[in-house]
């Protein structure tokens, strides 16, 4: 088994949370931030969420309310992406895609206003206080919000399991480049595996049918 497809630190423990990044309607539909192959990975994310819905957290990236809102470079950002503000999109498009929204509750939704869910939040304390030491990370974008999520998880000392066929981006080239970086620059802190490999070494998932990977 190759390095990119092995759980090098053993089976997935009970102290694990599935952290699904920004699988929202505004990234699934025909917007300027659409991730065209989100539908391709969605069945795998659903299958992972089904294993332990109560141990699943879905993050949502919340855009500014109106063009030019925000401080510093975020103001410039929302001038550039004025069409992606809530006033232009409508409130409904920030929701999770319906296929994942059905897991809440018992799954939780965690809103964030920047790329990282760790900035200005108590997420790491909530997880650590609950005895969580491992994060299974899925979602999008591989090279933006997933990257921020992974780096923060590394900094806080979590075991990070990145599911390669449950990630998506809007750009194939940077997705592929980022996967290479996860493997070759963060190889000691990020385990990159397919969903099939994850399920083989995750006791809670044994006996479940797999989506195509």
Protein backbone atom coordinates (compact mmCIF):
# COMPACT_ATOMS: atom_id res chain seq x y z
CA UNK A 1 0.00 0.00 0.00
CA UNK A 2 1.40 3.39 -0.95
CA UNK A 3 2.14 6.13 1.53
CA UNK A 4 -0.72 8.25 0.22
CA UNK A 5 -3.26 5.53 0.99
CA UNK A 6 -2.46 4.17 4.45
CA UNK A 7 -3.48 5.03 8.00
CA UNK A 8 0.07 5.05 9.33
CA UNK A 9 -0.96 5.70 12.94
CA UNK A 10 -3.40 2.84 13.21
CA UNK A 11 -7.14 2.41 13.30
CA UNK A 12 -9.50 5.35 13.74
CA UNK A 13 -10.35 5.78 17.41
CA UNK A 14 -13.68 6.47 19.08
CA UNK A 15 -12.40 9.98 19.85
CA UNK A 16 -12.88 11.13 16.28
CA UNK A 17 -14.95 13.85 14.65
CA UNK A 18 -15.74 14.17 10.95
CA UNK A 19 -15.14 17.82 10.04
CA UNK A 20 -16.80 18.60 6.69
CA UNK A 21 -15.73 21.92 5.20
CA UNK A 22 -18.15 24.29 3.44
CA UNK A 23 -20.35 21.96 1.41
CA UNK A 24 -22.86 24.72 0.74
CA UNK A 25 -25.39 25.52 -1.94
CA UNK A 26 -23.37 28.54 -3.15
CA UNK A 27 -20.52 26.19 -4.08
CA UNK A 28 -22.80 23.56 -5.63
CA UNK A 29 -24.92 25.77 -7.86
CA UNK A 30 -24.16 28.04 -10.82
CA UNK A 31 -22.35 30.85 -8.99
CA UNK A 32 -18.92 32.42 -9.44
CA UNK A 33 -17.64 30.12 -6.67
CA UNK A 34 -19.08 26.90 -8.06
CA UNK A 35 -17.02 23.73 -7.52
CA UNK A 36 -17.97 21.74 -10.64
CA UNK A 37 -17.08 18.35 -9.27
CA UNK A 38 -18.71 18.76 -5.87
CA UNK A 39 -21.40 16.27 -6.99
CA UNK A 40 -18.66 13.72 -7.69
CA UNK A 41 -17.40 13.64 -4.09
CA UNK A 42 -20.74 14.26 -2.38
CA UNK A 43 -21.73 10.55 -2.19
CA UNK A 44 -18.52 9.78 -0.31
CA UNK A 45 -19.06 12.67 2.11
CA UNK A 46 -22.61 11.41 2.71
CA UNK A 47 -21.28 7.91 3.43
CA UNK A 48 -18.74 9.24 5.93
CA UNK A 49 -21.39 11.42 7.60
CA UNK A 50 -23.68 8.41 7.97
CA UNK A 51 -21.17 6.54 10.12
CA UNK A 52 -21.52 8.78 13.18
CA UNK A 53 -23.79 11.76 12.49
CA UNK A 54 -23.52 12.92 16.10
CA UNK A 55 -19.75 13.19 15.63
CA UNK A 56 -19.98 15.28 12.46
CA UNK A 57 -19.41 19.04 12.23
CA UNK A 58 -20.26 20.95 9.06
CA UNK A 59 -18.60 24.32 8.63
CA UNK A 60 -20.20 27.09 6.61
CA UNK A 61 -18.31 30.01 5.11
CA UNK A 62 -20.49 33.11 5.66
CA UNK A 63 -19.81 35.90 3.15
CA UNK A 64 -20.16 39.57 3.96
CA UNK A 65 -23.67 40.96 3.86
CA UNK A 66 -22.94 43.55 1.17
CA UNK A 67 -20.20 44.54 -1.30
CA UNK A 68 -17.23 46.27 0.31
CA UNK A 69 -18.06 45.14 3.84
CA UNK A 70 -15.33 43.84 6.11
CA UNK A 71 -12.05 45.19 7.41
CA UNK A 72 -8.64 45.43 5.81
CA UNK A 73 -8.20 43.26 2.73
CA UNK A 74 -11.55 41.59 3.32
CA UNK A 75 -13.15 44.88 2.25
CA UNK A 76 -11.23 44.69 -1.02
CA UNK A 77 -12.12 41.00 -1.30
CA UNK A 78 -15.85 41.71 -1.15
CA UNK A 79 -15.54 44.55 -3.62
CA UNK A 80 -13.98 42.04 -6.03
CA UNK A 81 -16.53 39.32 -5.20
CA UNK A 82 -19.53 41.63 -4.82
CA UNK A 83 -21.78 39.09 -6.53
CA UNK A 84 -21.09 36.59 -3.74
CA UNK A 85 -22.30 38.72 -0.82
CA UNK A 86 -25.45 37.70 1.02
CA UNK A 87 -27.42 40.66 -0.32
CA UNK A 88 -26.69 39.50 -3.87
CA UNK A 89 -26.86 35.73 -3.32
CA UNK A 90 -29.77 35.52 -0.93
CA UNK A 91 -29.64 33.91 2.50
CA UNK A 92 -30.60 30.46 1.26
CA UNK A 93 -27.44 29.83 -0.74
CA UNK A 94 -25.24 29.83 2.34
CA UNK A 95 -27.07 26.71 3.59
CA UNK A 96 -25.57 23.25 3.43
CA UNK A 97 -26.50 21.22 0.38
CA UNK A 98 -29.75 19.36 1.20
CA UNK A 99 -28.08 15.94 1.10
CA UNK A 100 -25.94 16.94 4.10
CA UNK A 101 -28.37 19.27 5.87
CA UNK A 102 -30.42 16.19 6.80
CA UNK A 103 -27.67 15.14 9.23
CA UNK A 104 -28.28 18.25 11.38
CA UNK A 105 -29.19 17.46 14.10
CA UNK A 106 -27.52 15.42 15.55
CA UNK A 107 -24.65 16.82 13.48
CA UNK A 108 -23.60 20.39 14.20
CA UNK A 109 -23.13 23.44 12.00
CA UNK A 110 -20.22 25.77 12.72
CA UNK A 111 -20.29 29.16 10.97
CA UNK A 112 -17.09 31.04 10.14
CA UNK A 113 -16.42 34.36 8.46
CA UNK A 114 -12.86 33.67 7.31
CA UNK A 115 -11.23 30.64 5.71
CA UNK A 116 -10.17 29.03 8.99
CA UNK A 117 -12.66 27.64 11.53
CA UNK A 118 -10.01 28.05 14.24
CA UNK A 119 -9.60 31.84 14.06
CA UNK A 120 -11.43 33.73 16.79
CA UNK A 121 -13.38 30.65 17.85
CA UNK A 122 -13.47 28.04 20.59
CA UNK A 123 -13.66 25.11 18.19
CA UNK A 124 -10.38 23.58 19.36
CA UNK A 125 -11.38 23.90 23.01
CA UNK A 126 -14.80 22.39 22.35
CA UNK A 127 -13.18 19.41 20.66
CA UNK A 128 -10.45 18.97 23.22
CA UNK A 129 -12.90 19.27 26.13
CA UNK A 130 -14.95 16.51 24.48
CA UNK A 131 -11.86 14.30 24.35
CA UNK A 132 -11.54 14.47 20.56
CA UNK A 133 -8.03 13.80 19.28
CA UNK A 134 -8.64 12.90 15.62
CA UNK A 135 -10.28 14.77 12.73
CA UNK A 136 -11.46 13.21 9.49
CA UNK A 137 -11.53 16.15 7.06
CA UNK A 138 -13.63 16.33 3.89
CA UNK A 139 -15.18 19.08 1.76
CA UNK A 140 -13.89 22.05 -0.21
CA UNK A 141 -11.97 23.85 -1.37
CA UNK A 142 -8.89 21.65 -1.14
CA UNK A 143 -6.57 24.61 -1.67
CA UNK A 144 -8.38 27.29 0.38
CA UNK A 145 -10.72 26.51 3.30
CA UNK A 146 -9.67 22.87 3.60
CA UNK A 147 -6.06 24.05 3.67
CA UNK A 148 -6.81 26.51 6.49
CA UNK A 149 -8.71 23.82 8.37
CA UNK A 150 -5.87 21.30 8.03
CA UNK A 151 -3.16 23.75 9.09
CA UNK A 152 -5.09 24.81 12.16
CA UNK A 153 -5.77 21.20 13.12
CA UNK A 154 -2.05 20.46 12.83
CA UNK A 155 -1.18 23.46 14.99
CA UNK A 156 -3.62 22.34 17.71
CA UNK A 157 -2.13 18.84 17.69
CA UNK A 158 -5.02 16.82 16.27
CA UNK A 159 -4.46 13.68 14.25
CA UNK A 160 -5.53 14.70 10.74
CA UNK A 161 -7.00 12.20 8.27
CA UNK A 162 -7.67 13.77 4.88
CA UNK A 163 -9.99 11.76 2.62
CA UNK A 164 -8.69 12.20 -0.91
CA UNK A 165 -11.87 11.21 -2.75
CA UNK A 166 -14.07 13.36 -0.49
CA UNK A 167 -12.41 16.68 -1.38
CA UNK A 168 -13.15 19.14 -4.15
CA UNK A 169 -12.02 22.46 -5.55
CA UNK A 170 -12.89 24.81 -8.37
CA UNK A 171 -9.47 24.35 -10.02
CA UNK A 172 -7.96 20.97 -10.84
CA UNK A 173 -4.41 22.29 -11.11
CA UNK A 174 -4.26 23.80 -7.62
CA UNK A 175 -6.19 20.86 -6.13
CA UNK A 176 -3.55 18.48 -7.49
CA UNK A 177 -0.70 20.73 -6.34
CA UNK A 178 -2.17 20.96 -2.86
CA UNK A 179 -2.60 17.20 -2.59
CA UNK A 180 1.08 16.83 -3.46
CA UNK A 181 1.96 19.30 -0.69
CA UNK A 182 -0.18 17.46 1.87
CA UNK A 183 1.63 14.26 1.00
CA UNK A 184 5.19 15.50 0.68
CA UNK A 185 5.39 18.46 3.06
CA UNK A 186 2.98 17.36 5.79
CA UNK A 187 3.53 13.62 5.56
CA UNK A 188 4.21 13.25 9.28
CA UNK A 189 1.09 15.15 10.32
CA UNK A 190 -1.49 14.44 7.62
CA UNK A 191 -2.65 10.97 6.60
CA UNK A 192 -4.07 11.06 3.08
CA UNK A 193 -6.32 8.09 2.34
CA UNK A 194 -9.22 7.08 0.16
CA UNK A 195 -12.60 6.49 1.72
CA UNK A 196 -12.24 2.75 1.18
CA UNK A 197 -9.01 2.70 3.19
CA UNK A 198 -10.58 4.85 5.90
CA UNK A 199 -13.52 2.45 6.23
CA UNK A 200 -11.21 -0.57 6.45
CA UNK A 201 -9.59 0.84 9.61
CA UNK A 202 -12.54 2.64 11.18
CA UNK A 203 -14.38 0.22 13.47
CA UNK A 204 -17.53 2.35 13.46
CA UNK A 205 -17.73 2.07 9.65
CA UNK A 206 -17.23 -1.66 9.27
CA UNK A 207 -20.01 -3.47 7.46
CA UNK A 208 -21.24 -0.36 5.67
CA UNK A 209 -21.55 -0.23 1.90
CA UNK A 210 -19.13 2.11 0.15
CA UNK A 211 -19.96 4.80 -2.35
CA UNK A 212 -17.88 4.65 -5.52
CA UNK A 213 -14.49 6.23 -4.99
